[in-house]
Amino acid sequence: MDNRHCRFCGRELKHTFVDLGFSPLSNEYLEDLGQGQMCYPLRAQVCGECFLVQASLYQRPEQIFGTYQYFSSYSESWLRHCKSYVEMIVSRLGLTRENHVLEIACNDGYLLQYFKPFGIPVRGVEPAENVAAEARAKGIDVSCCFFHADTAREMGKYDLVIGNNVLAHVPDINSFVEGLSLVLNAAGTITMEFPHLMRLMESCQFDTIYHEHFYYLSLTAVQRIFQTHGLEIYDVEELETHGGSLRIYAAHKGHGCVRPAVAELLGREEAFGLRDIQTYAGFMEKVEAIKLDALHLFTELKQRGKRIAAFGAAAKGNTFLNYCGIKRDIIDFVVDSNPHKQGLYLPGSLIPIVGIEALRENKPDYLLILPWNLKEEIVSLTDYVREWGCRFITCIPDVRVFSA
């Protein structure tokens, strides 16, 4: 795997965006403490030509996504977001039973299930067989494969093609976007959602960098990639999901009326400095400051004999814990509502994952929220911890201690 050249434009990569040392795969949970585990460099670079931020590759997608432990349906706020999207897009595009919808990386059917009341035919693509089985149980037609230009040629044409948090997960981004153009009907629309690089940098969301995220995307870079494959981004929306995301609307060139929002956001990205390589150089300093602040807090709390638990066995949490070197001597356990993760251990830190009932049983003094983007949902779900004086901690965008 070539880590020396940009995977979009081919230019030699000379600029480091962030270096988080060595880390295991963020979703490689362990069944027992006797297992060995490989660690790989976790480093992202930025291309000086197209400004695409990209992680160095050490594992192929088949090794990361063959069996997957992330199930989208375990976040109520995410389900509400997806239901709202379906209602909006059906109305906006005037979709009927005569149209066809394809979702790439459909996971457990978390989104496509909401098209059922409208009677619109849907199909999903999902590479992880264990996750695809959950979608099929919901009555969704799912092809278990990786999406790229070659597989796209066998999938027919669709009026709406959806991809939520998948564009960053494909190492060959050219083949993937070419595949989008192949499955899209002449007058069809593509919508893609992905975390926004500018928001990542503004809030120092370094924990969203992990091996399965091959890219960290700006509208500036994505527009150029789509244009190369004959697709035109005609609208863009800024979302609060995943700490700040973009939803782009794209069509075959000449088939969409380009909205002012596209030029407006491109202008803000340029003003922020995303077309200036020097803008990327200072990010690592902010990352190191958060690490030092977090370690200072946790060390002080443990010296006072405080018990600390964590909420959310999330990939971003694993990046944070492994970069900071936080293990079971600091965090007693992590609770998670996903039964597929309970009974396992976090990669690298080896912190045990247990059910939420462990909070009442063990009554920790502090609860570290690892998926900080779900802070409000988690605080609401666990507000009963106030009964014994437990307080919450978040570390992104800075280290904070607060009460419910």
Protein backbone atom coordinates (compact mmCIF):
# COMPACT_ATOMS: atom_id res chain seq x y z
CA MET A 1 0.00 0.00 0.00
CA ASP A 2 1.52 3.28 -1.17
CA ASN A 3 1.64 5.80 1.66
CA ARG A 4 3.96 8.18 -0.19
CA HIS A 5 1.55 9.58 -2.76
CA CYS A 6 -1.89 11.15 -2.65
CA ARG A 7 -4.56 8.53 -3.35
CA PHE A 8 -6.55 11.04 -5.41
CA CYS A 9 -4.13 13.13 -7.46
CA GLY A 10 -0.94 11.08 -7.13
CA ARG A 11 1.25 13.91 -5.85
CA GLU A 12 4.01 12.99 -3.39
CA LEU A 13 2.90 13.51 0.21
CA LYS A 14 5.32 15.73 2.13
CA HIS A 15 3.22 17.29 4.89
CA THR A 16 2.14 15.63 8.15
CA PHE A 17 -1.20 16.72 9.58
CA VAL A 18 -1.16 14.65 12.79
CA ASP A 19 0.88 11.77 14.24
CA LEU A 20 -0.81 9.82 17.04
CA GLY A 21 1.86 7.18 17.46
CA PHE A 22 1.02 3.47 17.31
CA SER A 23 -2.49 2.14 17.84
CA PRO A 24 -4.52 -1.04 17.20
CA LEU A 25 -7.51 -0.93 14.88
CA SER A 26 -10.17 1.13 16.64
CA ASN A 27 -12.95 -1.46 16.22
CA GLU A 28 -10.84 -4.58 16.90
CA TYR A 29 -12.37 -5.48 20.26
CA LEU A 30 -10.87 -8.40 22.15
CA GLU A 31 -12.70 -11.41 23.55
CA ASP A 32 -10.11 -12.22 26.22
CA LEU A 33 -6.99 -10.65 27.69
CA GLY A 34 -4.78 -13.44 26.38
CA GLN A 35 -5.15 -12.34 22.78
CA GLY A 36 -2.32 -10.63 21.00
CA GLN A 37 -3.04 -7.48 19.03
CA MET A 38 -1.20 -5.71 16.24
CA CYS A 39 -0.56 -1.98 16.44
CA TYR A 40 0.07 0.29 13.46
CA PRO A 41 1.21 3.89 13.00
CA LEU A 42 -1.75 6.28 13.18
CA ARG A 43 -0.71 9.20 11.03
CA ALA A 44 -2.50 11.53 8.62
CA GLN A 45 -0.90 13.60 5.88
CA VAL A 46 -2.20 16.41 3.70
CA CYS A 47 -1.60 16.71 -0.03
CA GLY A 48 -0.03 20.02 -1.03
CA GLU A 49 -1.79 19.90 -4.41
CA CYS A 50 -5.45 18.97 -3.74
CA PHE A 51 -5.47 19.42 0.09
CA LEU A 52 -6.92 15.97 0.67
CA VAL A 53 -6.10 14.87 4.23
CA GLN A 54 -5.48 11.13 4.29
CA ALA A 55 -4.31 8.48 6.73
CA SER A 56 -1.45 6.15 5.97
CA LEU A 57 -2.72 2.69 5.02
CA TYR A 58 -1.63 -0.42 6.89
CA GLN A 59 -4.75 -2.59 6.70
CA ARG A 60 -6.97 -3.41 3.75
CA PRO A 61 -10.73 -2.79 4.04
CA GLU A 62 -11.37 -6.55 4.06
CA GLN A 63 -9.38 -6.81 7.29
CA ILE A 64 -11.21 -3.90 8.94
CA PHE A 65 -14.79 -4.33 7.75
CA GLY A 66 -15.12 -8.08 7.18
CA THR A 67 -16.71 -8.41 10.62
CA TYR A 68 -17.76 -5.15 12.21
CA GLN A 69 -18.93 -4.27 15.72
CA TYR A 70 -20.51 -0.90 14.94
CA PHE A 71 -24.30 -1.02 14.66
CA SER A 72 -25.91 2.32 13.77
CA SER A 73 -29.27 1.56 15.36
CA TYR A 74 -28.00 1.88 18.95
CA SER A 75 -28.05 5.69 18.89
CA GLU A 76 -31.52 7.17 19.27
CA SER A 77 -30.39 10.62 18.14
CA TRP A 78 -28.88 9.13 14.98
CA LEU A 79 -32.09 7.27 14.20
CA ARG A 80 -34.05 10.50 14.57
CA HIS A 81 -31.62 12.19 12.22
CA CYS A 82 -32.07 9.44 9.62
CA LYS A 83 -35.87 9.41 9.84
CA SER A 84 -35.90 13.16 9.36
CA TYR A 85 -33.58 12.83 6.35
CA VAL A 86 -35.84 10.27 4.65
CA GLU A 87 -38.92 12.41 5.12
CA MET A 88 -37.06 15.43 3.76
CA ILE A 89 -35.48 13.74 0.73
CA VAL A 90 -38.70 12.00 -0.35
CA SER A 91 -40.43 15.38 -0.38
CA ARG A 92 -37.53 17.33 -1.91
CA LEU A 93 -36.98 14.93 -4.80
CA GLY A 94 -40.64 13.92 -5.16
CA LEU A 95 -39.80 10.23 -4.83
CA THR A 96 -42.54 7.69 -5.50
CA ARG A 97 -42.93 3.92 -5.73
CA GLU A 98 -41.55 4.20 -9.27
CA ASN A 99 -38.15 5.36 -8.03
CA HIS A 100 -35.28 3.27 -6.71
CA VAL A 101 -32.92 4.02 -3.82
CA LEU A 102 -29.45 2.61 -3.13
CA GLU A 103 -27.57 3.10 0.12
CA ILE A 104 -23.87 2.31 0.24
CA ALA A 105 -22.68 1.03 3.64
CA CYS A 106 -26.26 0.53 4.83
CA ASN A 107 -25.05 -1.04 8.09
CA ASP A 108 -27.97 -2.66 9.96
CA GLY A 109 -30.72 -0.97 7.95
CA TYR A 110 -30.84 2.01 10.31
CA LEU A 111 -31.85 4.40 7.46
CA LEU A 112 -33.41 2.36 4.66
CA GLN A 113 -36.09 1.09 7.07
CA TYR A 114 -37.66 4.57 7.00
CA PHE A 115 -38.43 4.33 3.28
CA LYS A 116 -40.81 1.42 3.91
CA PRO A 117 -43.90 3.55 4.79
CA PHE A 118 -43.50 5.30 1.42
CA GLY A 119 -43.36 2.02 -0.53
CA ILE A 120 -40.16 3.09 -2.29
CA PRO A 121 -37.94 0.17 -3.41
CA VAL A 122 -34.57 0.19 -1.65
CA ARG A 123 -31.35 -1.76 -1.84
CA GLY A 124 -28.33 -1.70 0.43
CA VAL A 125 -24.64 -2.46 0.05
CA GLU A 126 -22.80 -3.58 3.20
CA PRO A 127 -19.41 -5.36 3.30
CA ALA A 128 -19.72 -6.76 6.85
CA GLU A 129 -21.78 -9.96 6.74
CA ASN A 130 -22.73 -9.87 10.44
CA VAL A 131 -24.10 -6.33 10.05
CA ALA A 132 -25.79 -7.06 6.71
CA ALA A 133 -27.68 -9.90 8.40
CA GLU A 134 -29.28 -7.37 10.75
CA ALA A 135 -30.46 -5.29 7.78
CA ARG A 136 -31.89 -8.35 6.03
CA ALA A 137 -33.82 -9.16 9.20
CA LYS A 138 -35.58 -5.83 8.66
CA GLY A 139 -36.64 -6.97 5.19
CA ILE A 140 -34.03 -4.99 3.28
CA ASP A 141 -32.35 -6.35 0.15
CA VAL A 142 -28.61 -6.18 0.86
CA SER A 143 -25.61 -7.03 -1.30
CA CYS A 144 -22.67 -8.03 0.88
CA CYS A 145 -19.69 -6.57 -0.95
CA PHE A 146 -17.42 -3.56 -1.18
CA PHE A 147 -18.64 -0.77 -3.43
CA HIS A 148 -16.30 0.40 -6.18
CA ALA A 149 -16.36 0.87 -9.95
CA ASP A 150 -16.27 -2.86 -10.75
CA THR A 151 -19.08 -3.89 -8.39
CA ALA A 152 -21.11 -0.81 -9.36
CA ARG A 153 -21.36 -2.02 -12.97
CA GLU A 154 -23.46 -4.97 -11.75
CA MET A 155 -25.93 -2.95 -9.65
CA GLY A 156 -28.17 -1.18 -12.14
CA LYS A 157 -29.31 2.45 -11.94
CA TYR A 158 -30.87 4.40 -9.07
CA ASP A 159 -32.67 7.70 -8.66
CA LEU A 160 -31.19 8.34 -5.23
CA VAL A 161 -27.81 7.09 -4.03
CA ILE A 162 -27.05 7.57 -0.34
CA GLY A 163 -23.76 7.32 1.52
CA ASN A 164 -23.56 8.28 5.19
CA ASN A 165 -20.10 8.25 6.75
CA VAL A 166 -18.68 6.00 4.04
CA LEU A 167 -16.74 8.35 1.75
CA ALA A 168 -13.93 8.51 4.32
CA HIS A 169 -13.78 4.70 4.56
CA VAL A 170 -12.71 3.80 1.01
CA PRO A 171 -8.98 3.70 0.23
CA ASP A 172 -9.50 3.97 -3.56
CA ILE A 173 -11.61 7.10 -3.57
CA ASN A 174 -11.38 7.45 -7.36
CA SER A 175 -12.90 4.03 -7.97
CA PHE A 176 -15.59 4.69 -5.37
CA VAL A 177 -16.71 8.01 -6.87
CA GLU A 178 -16.55 6.54 -10.37
CA GLY A 179 -18.90 3.84 -9.07
CA LEU A 180 -21.30 6.54 -7.86
CA SER A 181 -21.47 7.99 -11.36
CA LEU A 182 -22.11 4.52 -12.81
CA VAL A 183 -25.12 3.67 -10.59
CA LEU A 184 -26.74 7.11 -10.76
CA ASN A 185 -29.62 7.64 -13.19
CA ALA A 186 -29.26 10.51 -15.65
CA ALA A 187 -31.43 12.84 -13.55
CA GLY A 188 -30.68 11.21 -10.20
CA THR A 189 -29.20 12.66 -7.00
CA ILE A 190 -26.42 11.52 -4.71
CA THR A 191 -26.39 12.58 -1.06
CA MET A 192 -23.32 11.96 1.06
CA GLU A 193 -22.70 12.85 4.67
CA PHE A 194 -19.23 13.00 6.19
CA PRO A 195 -17.49 14.77 9.08
CA HIS A 196 -16.25 18.21 8.06
CA LEU A 197 -12.50 18.74 8.24
CA MET A 198 -12.91 22.39 9.14
CA ARG A 199 -15.00 21.49 12.20
CA LEU A 200 -12.48 18.78 13.12
CA MET A 201 -9.72 21.37 13.13
CA GLU A 202 -11.74 24.06 14.90
CA SER A 203 -12.63 21.75 17.81
CA CYS A 204 -9.44 19.66 17.76
CA GLN A 205 -11.39 16.44 17.17
CA PHE A 206 -8.25 14.36 16.77
CA ASP A 207 -9.99 11.31 18.23
CA THR A 208 -12.01 10.97 15.00
CA ILE A 209 -8.75 9.95 13.32
CA TYR A 210 -8.40 6.17 13.19
CA HIS A 211 -7.32 3.50 10.75
CA GLU A 212 -10.71 2.85 9.19
CA HIS A 213 -11.06 6.56 8.35
CA PHE A 214 -8.82 6.90 5.33
CA TYR A 215 -9.79 10.56 4.67
CA TYR A 216 -10.72 13.75 6.52
CA LEU A 217 -12.79 15.70 4.09
CA SER A 218 -13.41 19.30 3.14
CA LEU A 219 -15.85 20.52 0.52
CA THR A 220 -12.81 21.90 -1.31
CA ALA A 221 -11.28 18.44 -1.75
CA VAL A 222 -14.55 16.55 -2.33
CA GLN A 223 -15.73 18.96 -5.02
CA ARG A 224 -12.53 18.39 -6.96
CA ILE A 225 -12.81 14.61 -6.67
CA PHE A 226 -16.44 14.58 -7.82
CA GLN A 227 -15.72 16.93 -10.75
CA THR A 228 -13.00 14.57 -11.95
CA HIS A 229 -15.63 11.85 -12.33
CA GLY A 230 -18.29 13.97 -14.05
CA LEU A 231 -20.32 14.74 -10.95
CA GLU A 232 -21.33 18.20 -9.78
CA ILE A 233 -22.07 19.17 -6.18
CA TYR A 234 -25.13 21.38 -6.47
CA ASP A 235 -25.99 21.92 -2.80
CA VAL A 236 -24.46 21.48 0.64
CA GLU A 237 -25.83 21.56 4.19
CA GLU A 238 -23.94 21.83 7.46
CA LEU A 239 -25.07 19.33 10.12
CA GLU A 240 -24.33 18.89 13.81
CA THR A 241 -23.92 15.10 13.57
CA HIS A 242 -20.54 13.58 14.48
CA GLY A 243 -19.28 16.87 15.84
CA GLY A 244 -20.03 18.76 12.62
CA SER A 245 -20.69 17.17 9.23
CA LEU A 246 -21.55 18.11 5.68
CA ARG A 247 -24.34 16.73 3.56
CA ILE A 248 -23.63 17.21 -0.13
CA TYR A 249 -26.08 16.85 -3.02
CA ALA A 250 -24.56 15.82 -6.33
CA ALA A 251 -25.75 14.99 -9.83
CA HIS A 252 -24.31 14.30 -13.24
CA LYS A 253 -22.77 17.51 -14.53
CA GLY A 254 -25.43 19.83 -15.92
CA HIS A 255 -28.35 18.07 -14.18
CA GLY A 256 -28.42 20.10 -10.97
CA CYS A 257 -29.03 23.77 -10.28
CA VAL A 258 -26.04 24.84 -8.18
CA ARG A 259 -27.18 26.61 -5.01
CA PRO A 260 -25.34 29.61 -3.47
CA ALA A 261 -24.51 27.52 -0.38
CA VAL A 262 -21.77 25.72 -2.32
CA ALA A 263 -19.77 28.85 -3.19
CA GLU A 264 -20.42 30.32 0.26
CA LEU A 265 -18.93 27.33 2.09
CA LEU A 266 -16.00 27.07 -0.32
CA GLY A 267 -15.27 30.71 0.45
CA ARG A 268 -15.36 30.09 4.21
CA GLU A 269 -13.03 27.11 3.85
CA GLU A 270 -10.58 29.25 1.92
CA ALA A 271 -10.81 32.02 4.53
CA PHE A 272 -10.13 29.41 7.25
CA GLY A 273 -7.00 28.44 5.36
CA LEU A 274 -7.81 25.03 3.92
CA ARG A 275 -6.05 25.98 0.69
CA ASP A 276 -2.91 27.03 2.61
CA ILE A 277 -0.61 24.19 3.65
CA GLN A 278 0.60 26.20 6.65
CA THR A 279 -2.87 26.02 8.22
CA TYR A 280 -2.43 22.29 8.79
CA ALA A 281 0.98 22.61 10.46
CA GLY A 282 -0.21 23.82 13.87
CA PHE A 283 -2.83 21.15 14.54
CA MET A 284 -0.53 18.70 16.33
CA GLU A 285 0.36 21.28 18.98
CA LYS A 286 -3.32 21.55 19.97
CA VAL A 287 -3.60 17.76 20.14
CA GLU A 288 -0.65 17.49 22.50
CA ALA A 289 -2.12 20.15 24.80
CA ILE A 290 -5.35 18.15 25.23
CA LYS A 291 -3.38 15.01 26.03
CA LEU A 292 -1.40 16.76 28.77
CA ASP A 293 -4.51 18.37 30.28
CA ALA A 294 -6.36 15.03 30.33
CA LEU A 295 -3.48 13.16 31.94
CA HIS A 296 -3.11 15.87 34.56
CA LEU A 297 -6.81 15.61 35.48
CA PHE A 298 -6.95 11.81 35.60
CA THR A 299 -3.73 11.57 37.60
CA GLU A 300 -5.00 14.07 40.14
CA LEU A 301 -8.35 12.25 40.48
CA LYS A 302 -6.73 8.83 40.97
CA GLN A 303 -4.33 10.24 43.57
CA ARG A 304 -7.43 11.36 45.48
CA GLY A 305 -8.83 7.81 45.29
CA LYS A 306 -11.63 8.60 42.85
CA ARG A 307 -13.25 5.91 40.73
CA ILE A 308 -13.57 6.69 37.01
CA ALA A 309 -15.73 4.87 34.46
CA ALA A 310 -16.36 5.69 30.81
CA PHE A 311 -19.46 5.69 28.63
CA GLY A 312 -19.39 4.51 25.02
CA ALA A 313 -17.07 1.88 23.53
CA ALA A 314 -16.69 4.14 20.50
CA ALA A 315 -13.91 4.13 17.92
CA LYS A 316 -13.12 7.76 18.68
CA GLY A 317 -12.74 6.86 22.34
CA ASN A 318 -10.21 4.18 21.47
CA THR A 319 -8.08 6.67 19.56
CA PHE A 320 -8.19 9.06 22.52
CA LEU A 321 -7.36 6.41 25.14
CA ASN A 322 -4.53 4.83 23.18
CA TYR A 323 -2.93 8.14 22.21
CA CYS A 324 -3.02 9.30 25.84
CA GLY A 325 -1.88 5.92 27.18
CA ILE A 326 -4.94 5.57 29.43
CA LYS A 327 -5.64 1.99 30.51
CA ARG A 328 -7.41 0.00 33.24
CA ASP A 329 -5.36 1.64 35.98
CA ILE A 330 -7.24 4.88 35.22
CA ILE A 331 -10.62 3.74 33.82
CA ASP A 332 -12.29 0.89 35.72
CA PHE A 333 -14.75 -0.06 32.95
CA VAL A 334 -16.69 1.34 30.01
CA VAL A 335 -20.45 0.93 29.66
CA ASP A 336 -22.14 0.57 26.29
CA SER A 337 -25.72 -0.11 25.24
CA ASN A 338 -24.64 -2.30 22.31
CA PRO A 339 -24.89 -5.96 23.45
CA HIS A 340 -22.51 -6.98 20.64
CA LYS A 341 -19.70 -5.16 22.49
CA GLN A 342 -20.55 -6.09 26.06
CA GLY A 343 -18.22 -8.72 27.48
CA LEU A 344 -15.38 -7.63 25.21
CA TYR A 345 -12.34 -5.43 25.88
CA LEU A 346 -11.37 -2.16 24.26
CA PRO A 347 -8.48 -2.50 21.80
CA GLY A 348 -5.15 -1.42 23.22
CA SER A 349 -6.33 -0.15 26.59
CA LEU A 350 -7.99 -3.51 27.46
CA ILE A 351 -10.70 -1.80 29.48
CA PRO A 352 -13.69 -4.17 29.95
CA ILE A 353 -17.01 -3.29 28.25
CA VAL A 354 -20.11 -3.87 30.37
CA GLY A 355 -23.81 -3.07 30.34
CA ILE A 356 -25.17 0.26 31.58
CA GLU A 357 -26.47 -1.36 34.78
CA ALA A 358 -22.84 -1.40 35.98
CA LEU A 359 -23.12 2.31 36.76
CA ARG A 360 -25.67 1.76 39.53
CA GLU A 361 -23.83 -1.32 40.77
CA ASN A 362 -20.40 0.35 41.03
CA LYS A 363 -21.31 4.04 41.50
CA PRO A 364 -18.22 5.70 39.97
CA ASP A 365 -17.27 9.22 41.04
CA TYR A 366 -16.68 10.38 37.46
CA LEU A 367 -18.01 9.28 34.09
CA LEU A 368 -15.86 10.03 31.03
CA ILE A 369 -18.03 10.48 27.92
CA LEU A 370 -15.96 9.10 25.04
CA PRO A 371 -18.44 9.79 22.16
CA TRP A 372 -18.59 13.49 23.06
CA ASN A 373 -20.78 14.17 20.02
CA LEU A 374 -23.57 12.32 21.88
CA LYS A 375 -22.99 14.19 25.15
CA GLU A 376 -26.56 15.45 25.58
CA GLU A 377 -28.07 12.03 24.82
CA ILE A 378 -25.72 10.28 27.25
CA VAL A 379 -26.18 12.81 30.06
CA SER A 380 -29.95 12.48 29.70
CA LEU A 381 -29.74 8.68 29.70
CA THR A 382 -27.58 8.58 32.83
CA ASP A 383 -28.85 11.58 34.79
CA TYR A 384 -29.49 9.26 37.76
CA VAL A 385 -25.75 9.24 38.53
CA ARG A 386 -26.41 12.53 40.35
CA GLU A 387 -27.88 10.41 43.15
CA TRP A 388 -24.37 9.59 44.39
CA GLY A 389 -22.65 12.78 43.21
CA CYS A 390 -21.06 11.42 40.05
CA ARG A 391 -19.80 14.09 37.65
CA PHE A 392 -19.12 13.94 33.89
CA ILE A 393 -15.91 14.51 31.94
CA THR A 394 -15.40 15.36 28.26
CA CYS A 395 -11.99 15.97 26.69
CA ILE A 396 -12.91 17.34 23.25
CA PRO A 397 -12.60 20.22 22.32
CA ASP A 398 -10.96 20.71 25.72
CA VAL A 399 -10.96 18.99 29.10
CA ARG A 400 -14.14 19.78 31.07
CA VAL A 401 -15.71 18.46 34.29
CA PHE A 402 -19.41 19.15 34.82
CA SER A 403 -22.54 17.94 36.59
CA ALA A 404 -25.76 16.72 34.97
